[in-house]
Amino acid sequence: DLTYRARFFPIGPIVALIMCAIVIVGQGYSIFTSGDVNP
């Protein structure tokens, strides 16, 4: 009955949530891998 229905529920929001979390945690990835961690 929803006007617009998200096709891939519940996988869609779960995958998007996990991918966003990876991006957030990975923010400092290049800093850690460079070996020279600048606070």
PDB file of all heavy atoms in Angstrom:
ATOM      1  N   ASP A   1       0.818  -1.222   0.000  1.00  0.00           N
ATOM      2  CA  ASP A   1       0.000   0.000   0.000  1.00  0.00           C
ATOM      3  C   ASP A   1       0.853   1.275   0.000  1.00  0.00           C
ATOM      4  O   ASP A   1       0.310   2.375  -0.117  1.00  0.00           O
ATOM      5  CB  ASP A   1      -0.925   0.025   1.230  1.00  0.00           C
ATOM      6  CG  ASP A   1      -1.908  -1.144   1.218  1.00  0.00           C
ATOM      7  OD1 ASP A   1      -2.188  -1.643   0.106  1.00  0.00           O
ATOM      8  OD2 ASP A   1      -2.353  -1.564   2.306  1.00  0.00           O
ATOM      9  N   LEU A   2       2.154   1.154   0.180  1.00  0.00           N
ATOM     10  CA  LEU A   2       3.021   2.343   0.212  1.00  0.00           C
ATOM     11  C   LEU A   2       3.062   2.996  -1.165  1.00  0.00           C
ATOM     12  O   LEU A   2       3.098   2.307  -2.188  1.00  0.00           O
ATOM     13  CB  LEU A   2       4.447   1.959   0.649  1.00  0.00           C
ATOM     14  CG  LEU A   2       4.600   1.526   2.111  1.00  0.00           C
ATOM     15  CD1 LEU A   2       5.936   0.818   2.327  1.00  0.00           C
ATOM     16  CD2 LEU A   2       4.486   2.737   3.045  1.00  0.00           C
ATOM     17  N   THR A   3       3.074   4.324  -1.187  1.00  0.00           N
ATOM     18  CA  THR A   3       3.097   5.070  -2.456  1.00  0.00           C
ATOM     19  C   THR A   3       4.314   4.672  -3.284  1.00  0.00           C
ATOM     20  O   THR A   3       4.242   4.505  -4.492  1.00  0.00           O
ATOM     21  CB  THR A   3       3.171   6.592  -2.167  1.00  0.00           C
ATOM     22  OG1 THR A   3       2.227   6.904  -1.153  1.00  0.00           O
ATOM     23  CG2 THR A   3       2.868   7.400  -3.417  1.00  0.00           C
ATOM     24  N   TYR A   4       5.458   4.559  -2.611  1.00  0.00           N
ATOM     25  CA  TYR A   4       6.701   4.155  -3.278  1.00  0.00           C
ATOM     26  C   TYR A   4       7.365   3.130  -2.376  1.00  0.00           C
ATOM     27  O   TYR A   4       7.521   3.369  -1.183  1.00  0.00           O
ATOM     28  CB  TYR A   4       7.611   5.377  -3.460  1.00  0.00           C
ATOM     29  CG  TYR A   4       8.985   5.049  -4.029  1.00  0.00           C
ATOM     30  CD1 TYR A   4       9.171   4.859  -5.390  1.00  0.00           C
ATOM     31  CD2 TYR A   4      10.095   4.939  -3.197  1.00  0.00           C
ATOM     32  CE1 TYR A   4      10.418   4.570  -5.918  1.00  0.00           C
ATOM     33  CE2 TYR A   4      11.358   4.648  -3.702  1.00  0.00           C
ATOM     34  CZ  TYR A   4      11.507   4.473  -5.062  1.00  0.00           C
ATOM     35  OH  TYR A   4      12.752   4.185  -5.573  1.00  0.00           O
ATOM     36  N   ARG A   5       7.712   1.977  -2.941  1.00  0.00           N
ATOM     37  CA  ARG A   5       8.257   0.916  -2.100  1.00  0.00           C
ATOM     38  C   ARG A   5       9.714   0.638  -2.475  1.00  0.00           C
ATOM     39  O   ARG A   5      10.028   0.460  -3.647  1.00  0.00           O
ATOM     40  CB  ARG A   5       7.412  -0.355  -2.284  1.00  0.00           C
ATOM     41  CG  ARG A   5       7.721  -1.458  -1.284  1.00  0.00           C
ATOM     42  CD  ARG A   5       6.513  -2.368  -1.124  1.00  0.00           C
ATOM     43  NE  ARG A   5       6.031  -2.854  -2.417  1.00  0.00           N
ATOM     44  CZ  ARG A   5       6.018  -4.143  -2.762  1.00  0.00           C
ATOM     45  NH1 ARG A   5       6.460  -5.062  -1.932  1.00  0.00           N
ATOM     46  NH2 ARG A   5       5.547  -4.522  -3.932  1.00  0.00           N
ATOM     47  N   ALA A   6      10.597   0.619  -1.458  1.00  0.00           N
ATOM     48  CA  ALA A   6      12.004   0.281  -1.690  1.00  0.00           C
ATOM     49  C   ALA A   6      12.067  -1.194  -2.073  1.00  0.00           C
ATOM     50  O   ALA A   6      11.601  -2.055  -1.334  1.00  0.00           O
ATOM     51  CB  ALA A   6      12.817   0.543  -0.430  1.00  0.00           C
ATOM     52  N   ARG A   7      12.635  -1.463  -3.238  1.00  0.00           N
ATOM     53  CA  ARG A   7      12.589  -2.801  -3.803  1.00  0.00           C
ATOM     54  C   ARG A   7      13.359  -3.856  -3.000  1.00  0.00           C
ATOM     55  O   ARG A   7      12.967  -4.993  -2.925  1.00  0.00           O
ATOM     56  CB  ARG A   7      13.143  -2.762  -5.228  1.00  0.00           C
ATOM     57  CG  ARG A   7      12.202  -3.362  -6.239  1.00  0.00           C
ATOM     58  CD  ARG A   7      12.716  -3.154  -7.648  1.00  0.00           C
ATOM     59  NE  ARG A   7      12.851  -1.736  -7.988  1.00  0.00           N
ATOM     60  CZ  ARG A   7      13.500  -1.306  -9.065  1.00  0.00           C
ATOM     61  NH1 ARG A   7      14.073  -2.171  -9.873  1.00  0.00           N
ATOM     62  NH2 ARG A   7      13.570  -0.028  -9.332  1.00  0.00           N
ATOM     63  N   PHE A   8      14.484  -3.454  -2.432  1.00  0.00           N
ATOM     64  CA  PHE A   8      15.382  -4.472  -1.864  1.00  0.00           C
ATOM     65  C   PHE A   8      15.348  -4.555  -0.339  1.00  0.00           C
ATOM     66  O   PHE A   8      16.325  -4.907   0.291  1.00  0.00           O
ATOM     67  CB  PHE A   8      16.815  -4.219  -2.355  1.00  0.00           C
ATOM     68  CG  PHE A   8      16.920  -4.212  -3.844  1.00  0.00           C
ATOM     69  CD1 PHE A   8      17.077  -3.023  -4.540  1.00  0.00           C
ATOM     70  CD2 PHE A   8      16.804  -5.395  -4.570  1.00  0.00           C
ATOM     71  CE1 PHE A   8      17.151  -3.011  -5.927  1.00  0.00           C
ATOM     72  CE2 PHE A   8      16.876  -5.398  -5.959  1.00  0.00           C
ATOM     73  CZ  PHE A   8      17.042  -4.204  -6.637  1.00  0.00           C
ATOM     74  N   PHE A   9      14.199  -4.191   0.257  1.00  0.00           N
ATOM     75  CA  PHE A   9      14.085  -4.300   1.716  1.00  0.00           C
ATOM     76  C   PHE A   9      14.042  -5.782   2.110  1.00  0.00           C
ATOM     77  O   PHE A   9      13.395  -6.563   1.425  1.00  0.00           O
ATOM     78  CB  PHE A   9      12.819  -3.582   2.191  1.00  0.00           C
ATOM     79  CG  PHE A   9      12.718  -3.503   3.686  1.00  0.00           C
ATOM     80  CD1 PHE A   9      13.290  -2.455   4.369  1.00  0.00           C
ATOM     81  CD2 PHE A   9      12.085  -4.505   4.407  1.00  0.00           C
ATOM     82  CE1 PHE A   9      13.224  -2.391   5.752  1.00  0.00           C
ATOM     83  CE2 PHE A   9      12.018  -4.457   5.790  1.00  0.00           C
ATOM     84  CZ  PHE A   9      12.588  -3.387   6.465  1.00  0.00           C
ATOM     85  N   PRO A  10      14.687  -6.222   3.210  1.00  0.00           N
ATOM     86  CA  PRO A  10      15.498  -5.446   4.159  1.00  0.00           C
ATOM     87  C   PRO A  10      16.987  -5.390   3.798  1.00  0.00           C
ATOM     88  O   PRO A  10      17.747  -4.727   4.469  1.00  0.00           O
ATOM     89  CB  PRO A  10      15.309  -6.225   5.462  1.00  0.00           C
ATOM     90  CG  PRO A  10      15.199  -7.659   4.996  1.00  0.00           C
ATOM     91  CD  PRO A  10      14.512  -7.608   3.648  1.00  0.00           C
ATOM     92  N   ILE A  11      17.392  -6.099   2.720  1.00  0.00           N
ATOM     93  CA  ILE A  11      18.809  -6.144   2.369  1.00  0.00           C
ATOM     94  C   ILE A  11      19.349  -4.740   2.049  1.00  0.00           C
ATOM     95  O   ILE A  11      20.445  -4.383   2.466  1.00  0.00           O
ATOM     96  CB  ILE A  11      19.036  -7.098   1.149  1.00  0.00           C
ATOM     97  CG1 ILE A  11      18.680  -8.540   1.539  1.00  0.00           C
ATOM     98  CG2 ILE A  11      20.476  -7.035   0.659  1.00  0.00           C
ATOM     99  CD1 ILE A  11      19.518  -9.122   2.665  1.00  0.00           C
ATOM    100  N   GLY A  12      18.535  -3.925   1.322  1.00  0.00           N
ATOM    101  CA  GLY A  12      18.975  -2.591   0.897  1.00  0.00           C
ATOM    102  C   GLY A  12      19.497  -1.720   2.028  1.00  0.00           C
ATOM    103  O   GLY A  12      20.678  -1.337   2.044  1.00  0.00           O
ATOM    104  N   PRO A  13      18.640  -1.410   3.028  1.00  0.00           N
ATOM    105  CA  PRO A  13      19.117  -0.533   4.106  1.00  0.00           C
ATOM    106  C   PRO A  13      20.259  -1.150   4.920  1.00  0.00           C
ATOM    107  O   PRO A  13      21.145  -0.431   5.392  1.00  0.00           O
ATOM    108  CB  PRO A  13      17.874  -0.298   4.969  1.00  0.00           C
ATOM    109  CG  PRO A  13      16.860  -1.293   4.541  1.00  0.00           C
ATOM    110  CD  PRO A  13      17.197  -1.682   3.139  1.00  0.00           C
ATOM    111  N   ILE A  14      20.260  -2.486   5.060  1.00  0.00           N
ATOM    112  CA  ILE A  14      21.326  -3.141   5.843  1.00  0.00           C
ATOM    113  C   ILE A  14      22.665  -2.998   5.121  1.00  0.00           C
ATOM    114  O   ILE A  14      23.679  -2.614   5.723  1.00  0.00           O
ATOM    115  CB  ILE A  14      20.990  -4.632   6.110  1.00  0.00           C
ATOM    116  CG1 ILE A  14      19.779  -4.734   7.051  1.00  0.00           C
ATOM    117  CG2 ILE A  14      22.195  -5.372   6.693  1.00  0.00           C
ATOM    118  CD1 ILE A  14      19.202  -6.140   7.192  1.00  0.00           C
ATOM    119  N   VAL A  15      22.675  -3.267   3.802  1.00  0.00           N
ATOM    120  CA  VAL A  15      23.913  -3.138   3.018  1.00  0.00           C
ATOM    121  C   VAL A  15      24.392  -1.678   3.031  1.00  0.00           C
ATOM    122  O   VAL A  15      25.573  -1.394   3.209  1.00  0.00           O
ATOM    123  CB  VAL A  15      23.698  -3.639   1.561  1.00  0.00           C
ATOM    124  CG1 VAL A  15      24.869  -3.257   0.667  1.00  0.00           C
ATOM    125  CG2 VAL A  15      23.508  -5.154   1.557  1.00  0.00           C
ATOM    126  N   ALA A  16      23.459  -0.737   2.837  1.00  0.00           N
ATOM    127  CA  ALA A  16      23.822   0.687   2.828  1.00  0.00           C
ATOM    128  C   ALA A  16      24.417   1.092   4.177  1.00  0.00           C
ATOM    129  O   ALA A  16      25.415   1.821   4.239  1.00  0.00           O
ATOM    130  CB  ALA A  16      22.590   1.532   2.524  1.00  0.00           C
ATOM    131  N   LEU A  17      23.816   0.591   5.263  1.00  0.00           N
ATOM    132  CA  LEU A  17      24.291   0.901   6.619  1.00  0.00           C
ATOM    133  C   LEU A  17      25.727   0.403   6.816  1.00  0.00           C
ATOM    134  O   LEU A  17      26.598   1.132   7.298  1.00  0.00           O
ATOM    135  CB  LEU A  17      23.355   0.231   7.633  1.00  0.00           C
ATOM    136  CG  LEU A  17      23.371   0.743   9.072  1.00  0.00           C
ATOM    137  CD1 LEU A  17      22.909   2.186   9.125  1.00  0.00           C
ATOM    138  CD2 LEU A  17      22.459  -0.106   9.947  1.00  0.00           C
ATOM    139  N   ILE A  18      25.971  -0.839   6.396  1.00  0.00           N
ATOM    140  CA  ILE A  18      27.313  -1.433   6.549  1.00  0.00           C
ATOM    141  C   ILE A  18      28.338  -0.668   5.705  1.00  0.00           C
ATOM    142  O   ILE A  18      29.435  -0.353   6.171  1.00  0.00           O
ATOM    143  CB  ILE A  18      27.290  -2.935   6.182  1.00  0.00           C
ATOM    144  CG1 ILE A  18      26.459  -3.712   7.216  1.00  0.00           C
ATOM    145  CG2 ILE A  18      28.710  -3.504   6.099  1.00  0.00           C
ATOM    146  CD1 ILE A  18      26.098  -5.137   6.803  1.00  0.00           C
ATOM    147  N   MET A  19      27.963  -0.344   4.448  1.00  0.00           N
ATOM    148  CA  MET A  19      28.896   0.373   3.575  1.00  0.00           C
ATOM    149  C   MET A  19      29.228   1.763   4.121  1.00  0.00           C
ATOM    150  O   MET A  19      30.376   2.201   4.079  1.00  0.00           O
ATOM    151  CB  MET A  19      28.336   0.475   2.161  1.00  0.00           C
ATOM    152  CG  MET A  19      28.378  -0.850   1.413  1.00  0.00           C
ATOM    153  SD  MET A  19      27.673  -0.746  -0.256  1.00  0.00           S
ATOM    154  CE  MET A  19      29.021   0.015  -1.162  1.00  0.00           C
ATOM    155  N   CYS A  20      28.219   2.453   4.658  1.00  0.00           N
ATOM    156  CA  CYS A  20      28.464   3.775   5.273  1.00  0.00           C
ATOM    157  C   CYS A  20      29.415   3.649   6.458  1.00  0.00           C
ATOM    158  O   CYS A  20      30.315   4.471   6.646  1.00  0.00           O
ATOM    159  CB  CYS A  20      27.159   4.398   5.755  1.00  0.00           C
ATOM    160  SG  CYS A  20      26.212   5.169   4.450  1.00  0.00           S
ATOM    161  N   ALA A  21      29.196   2.607   7.259  1.00  0.00           N
ATOM    162  CA  ALA A  21      30.050   2.376   8.431  1.00  0.00           C
ATOM    163  C   ALA A  21      31.498   2.137   7.989  1.00  0.00           C
ATOM    164  O   ALA A  21      32.444   2.650   8.603  1.00  0.00           O
ATOM    165  CB  ALA A  21      29.532   1.194   9.243  1.00  0.00           C
ATOM    166  N   ILE A  22      31.680   1.372   6.904  1.00  0.00           N
ATOM    167  CA  ILE A  22      33.032   1.107   6.385  1.00  0.00           C
ATOM    168  C   ILE A  22      33.698   2.422   5.968  1.00  0.00           C
ATOM    169  O   ILE A  22      34.864   2.675   6.262  1.00  0.00           O
ATOM    170  CB  ILE A  22      32.979   0.119   5.196  1.00  0.00           C
ATOM    171  CG1 ILE A  22      32.581  -1.282   5.690  1.00  0.00           C
ATOM    172  CG2 ILE A  22      34.319   0.057   4.457  1.00  0.00           C
ATOM    173  CD1 ILE A  22      32.230  -2.273   4.589  1.00  0.00           C
ATOM    174  N   VAL A  23      32.924   3.290   5.289  1.00  0.00           N
ATOM    175  CA  VAL A  23      33.474   4.577   4.842  1.00  0.00           C
ATOM    176  C   VAL A  23      33.887   5.430   6.040  1.00  0.00           C
ATOM    177  O   VAL A  23      34.959   6.037   6.048  1.00  0.00           O
ATOM    178  CB  VAL A  23      32.449   5.340   3.958  1.00  0.00           C
ATOM    179  CG1 VAL A  23      32.945   6.736   3.652  1.00  0.00           C
ATOM    180  CG2 VAL A  23      32.204   4.587   2.661  1.00  0.00           C
ATOM    181  N   ILE A  24      33.030   5.455   7.074  1.00  0.00           N
ATOM    182  CA  ILE A  24      33.339   6.261   8.266  1.00  0.00           C
ATOM    183  C   ILE A  24      34.589   5.738   8.969  1.00  0.00           C
ATOM    184  O   ILE A  24      35.515   6.494   9.268  1.00  0.00           O
ATOM    185  CB  ILE A  24      32.123   6.300   9.232  1.00  0.00           C
ATOM    186  CG1 ILE A  24      31.008   7.146   8.611  1.00  0.00           C
ATOM    187  CG2 ILE A  24      32.526   6.863  10.591  1.00  0.00           C
ATOM    188  CD1 ILE A  24      29.703   7.145   9.386  1.00  0.00           C
ATOM    189  N   VAL A  25      34.627   4.429   9.212  1.00  0.00           N
ATOM    190  CA  VAL A  25      35.787   3.835   9.899  1.00  0.00           C
ATOM    191  C   VAL A  25      37.050   3.990   9.047  1.00  0.00           C
ATOM    192  O   VAL A  25      38.137   4.240   9.559  1.00  0.00           O
ATOM    193  CB  VAL A  25      35.525   2.334  10.214  1.00  0.00           C
ATOM    194  CG1 VAL A  25      36.774   1.673  10.773  1.00  0.00           C
ATOM    195  CG2 VAL A  25      34.367   2.207  11.211  1.00  0.00           C
ATOM    196  N   GLY A  26      36.867   3.880   7.725  1.00  0.00           N
ATOM    197  CA  GLY A  26      38.023   3.945   6.827  1.00  0.00           C
ATOM    198  C   GLY A  26      38.563   5.333   6.556  1.00  0.00           C
ATOM    199  O   GLY A  26      39.510   5.503   5.783  1.00  0.00           O
ATOM    200  N   GLN A  27      37.969   6.349   7.183  1.00  0.00           N
ATOM    201  CA  GLN A  27      38.431   7.730   6.975  1.00  0.00           C
ATOM    202  C   GLN A  27      39.948   7.887   7.114  1.00  0.00           C
ATOM    203  O   GLN A  27      40.588   8.544   6.331  1.00  0.00           O
ATOM    204  CB  GLN A  27      37.757   8.676   7.981  1.00  0.00           C
ATOM    205  CG  GLN A  27      36.438   9.191   7.543  1.00  0.00           C
ATOM    206  CD  GLN A  27      36.481   9.863   6.192  1.00  0.00           C
ATOM    207  OE1 GLN A  27      37.174  10.836   5.984  1.00  0.00           O
ATOM    208  NE2 GLN A  27      35.745   9.312   5.243  1.00  0.00           N
ATOM    209  N   GLY A  28      40.490   7.272   8.171  1.00  0.00           N
ATOM    210  CA  GLY A  28      41.915   7.448   8.427  1.00  0.00           C
ATOM    211  C   GLY A  28      42.783   6.354   7.830  1.00  0.00           C
ATOM    212  O   GLY A  28      43.962   6.228   8.166  1.00  0.00           O
ATOM    213  N   TYR A  29      42.174   5.574   6.921  1.00  0.00           N
ATOM    214  CA  TYR A  29      42.866   4.409   6.345  1.00  0.00           C
ATOM    215  C   TYR A  29      44.219   4.794   5.725  1.00  0.00           C
ATOM    216  O   TYR A  29      45.241   4.188   5.996  1.00  0.00           O
ATOM    217  CB  TYR A  29      41.964   3.763   5.289  1.00  0.00           C
ATOM    218  CG  TYR A  29      42.492   2.466   4.729  1.00  0.00           C
ATOM    219  CD1 TYR A  29      42.383   1.282   5.457  1.00  0.00           C
ATOM    220  CD2 TYR A  29      43.092   2.414   3.475  1.00  0.00           C
ATOM    221  CE1 TYR A  29      42.860   0.080   4.942  1.00  0.00           C
ATOM    222  CE2 TYR A  29      43.564   1.218   2.951  1.00  0.00           C
ATOM    223  CZ  TYR A  29      43.455   0.063   3.695  1.00  0.00           C
ATOM    224  OH  TYR A  29      43.928  -1.128   3.193  1.00  0.00           O
ATOM    225  N   SER A  30      44.213   5.852   4.908  1.00  0.00           N
ATOM    226  CA  SER A  30      45.454   6.252   4.226  1.00  0.00           C
ATOM    227  C   SER A  30      46.489   6.753   5.228  1.00  0.00           C
ATOM    228  O   SER A  30      47.691   6.583   5.026  1.00  0.00           O
ATOM    229  CB  SER A  30      45.167   7.326   3.176  1.00  0.00           C
ATOM    230  OG  SER A  30      44.509   8.429   3.778  1.00  0.00           O
ATOM    231  N   ILE A  31      46.014   7.358   6.336  1.00  0.00           N
ATOM    232  CA  ILE A  31      46.957   7.853   7.363  1.00  0.00           C
ATOM    233  C   ILE A  31      47.632   6.664   8.049  1.00  0.00           C
ATOM    234  O   ILE A  31      48.855   6.644   8.231  1.00  0.00           O
ATOM    235  CB  ILE A  31      46.221   8.739   8.414  1.00  0.00           C
ATOM    236  CG1 ILE A  31      45.581   9.953   7.728  1.00  0.00           C
ATOM    237  CG2 ILE A  31      47.182   9.202   9.517  1.00  0.00           C
ATOM    238  CD1 ILE A  31      44.611  10.730   8.586  1.00  0.00           C
ATOM    239  N   PHE A  32      46.830   5.638   8.392  1.00  0.00           N
ATOM    240  CA  PHE A  32      47.387   4.450   9.066  1.00  0.00           C
ATOM    241  C   PHE A  32      48.347   3.679   8.156  1.00  0.00           C
ATOM    242  O   PHE A  32      49.387   3.219   8.585  1.00  0.00           O
ATOM    243  CB  PHE A  32      46.267   3.511   9.540  1.00  0.00           C
ATOM    244  CG  PHE A  32      45.510   4.047  10.731  1.00  0.00           C
ATOM    245  CD1 PHE A  32      44.142   4.285  10.668  1.00  0.00           C
ATOM    246  CD2 PHE A  32      46.169   4.321  11.931  1.00  0.00           C
ATOM    247  CE1 PHE A  32      43.443   4.778  11.765  1.00  0.00           C
ATOM    248  CE2 PHE A  32      45.471   4.819  13.032  1.00  0.00           C
ATOM    249  CZ  PHE A  32      44.121   5.047  12.953  1.00  0.00           C
ATOM    250  N   THR A  33      47.956   3.553   6.867  1.00  0.00           N
ATOM    251  CA  THR A  33      48.785   2.750   5.964  1.00  0.00           C
ATOM    252  C   THR A  33      50.062   3.474   5.535  1.00  0.00           C
ATOM    253  O   THR A  33      50.992   2.851   5.045  1.00  0.00           O
ATOM    254  CB  THR A  33      47.991   2.339   4.698  1.00  0.00           C
ATOM    255  OG1 THR A  33      47.384   3.517   4.143  1.00  0.00           O
ATOM    256  CG2 THR A  33      46.911   1.326   5.023  1.00  0.00           C
ATOM    257  N   SER A  34      50.088   4.809   5.715  1.00  0.00           N
ATOM    258  CA  SER A  34      51.297   5.546   5.306  1.00  0.00           C
ATOM    259  C   SER A  34      52.463   5.283   6.262  1.00  0.00           C
ATOM    260  O   SER A  34      53.612   5.553   5.948  1.00  0.00           O
ATOM    261  CB  SER A  34      51.020   7.053   5.256  1.00  0.00           C
ATOM    262  OG  SER A  34      50.795   7.537   6.569  1.00  0.00           O
ATOM    263  N   GLY A  35      52.132   4.766   7.458  1.00  0.00           N
ATOM    264  CA  GLY A  35      53.186   4.458   8.434  1.00  0.00           C
ATOM    265  C   GLY A  35      53.577   5.656   9.286  1.00  0.00           C
ATOM    266  O   GLY A  35      54.153   5.521  10.359  1.00  0.00           O
ATOM    267  N   ASP A  36      53.222   6.865   8.821  1.00  0.00           N
ATOM    268  CA  ASP A  36      53.560   8.071   9.582  1.00  0.00           C
ATOM    269  C   ASP A  36      52.260   8.673  10.107  1.00  0.00           C
ATOM    270  O   ASP A  36      51.593   9.448   9.433  1.00  0.00           O
ATOM    271  CB  ASP A  36      54.288   9.071   8.663  1.00  0.00           C
ATOM    272  CG  ASP A  36      54.640  10.372   9.394  1.00  0.00           C
ATOM    273  OD1 ASP A  36      54.779  10.315  10.631  1.00  0.00           O
ATOM    274  OD2 ASP A  36      54.756  11.416   8.730  1.00  0.00           O
ATOM    275  N   VAL A  37      51.859   8.256  11.320  1.00  0.00           N
ATOM    276  CA  VAL A  37      50.569   8.680  11.865  1.00  0.00           C
ATOM    277  C   VAL A  37      50.699  10.065  12.489  1.00  0.00           C
ATOM    278  O   VAL A  37      51.353  10.256  13.515  1.00  0.00           O
ATOM    279  CB  VAL A  37      50.032   7.656  12.900  1.00  0.00           C
ATOM    280  CG1 VAL A  37      48.696   8.118  13.451  1.00  0.00           C
ATOM    281  CG2 VAL A  37      49.892   6.284  12.251  1.00  0.00           C
ATOM    282  N   ASN A  38      50.050  11.030  11.838  1.00  0.00           N
ATOM    283  CA  ASN A  38      50.048  12.408  12.322  1.00  0.00           C
ATOM    284  C   ASN A  38      48.767  12.637  13.130  1.00  0.00           C
ATOM    285  O   ASN A  38      47.668  12.587  12.582  1.00  0.00           O
ATOM    286  CB  ASN A  38      50.104  13.354  11.111  1.00  0.00           C
ATOM    287  CG  ASN A  38      50.062  14.813  11.524  1.00  0.00           C
ATOM    288  OD1 ASN A  38      49.671  15.148  12.637  1.00  0.00           O
ATOM    289  ND2 ASN A  38      50.464  15.680  10.609  1.00  0.00           N
ATOM    290  N   PRO A  39      48.878  12.873  14.461  1.00  0.00           N
ATOM    291  CA  PRO A  39      47.677  13.016  15.309  1.00  0.00           C
ATOM    292  C   PRO A  39      46.718  14.094  14.813  1.00  0.00           C
ATOM    293  O   PRO A  39      45.502  13.933  14.880  1.00  0.00           O
ATOM    294  CB  PRO A  39      48.258  13.396  16.687  1.00  0.00           C
ATOM    295  CG  PRO A  39      49.672  12.931  16.657  1.00  0.00           C
ATOM    296  CD  PRO A  39      50.118  13.018  15.242  1.00  0.00           C
TER     297      PRO A  39
END
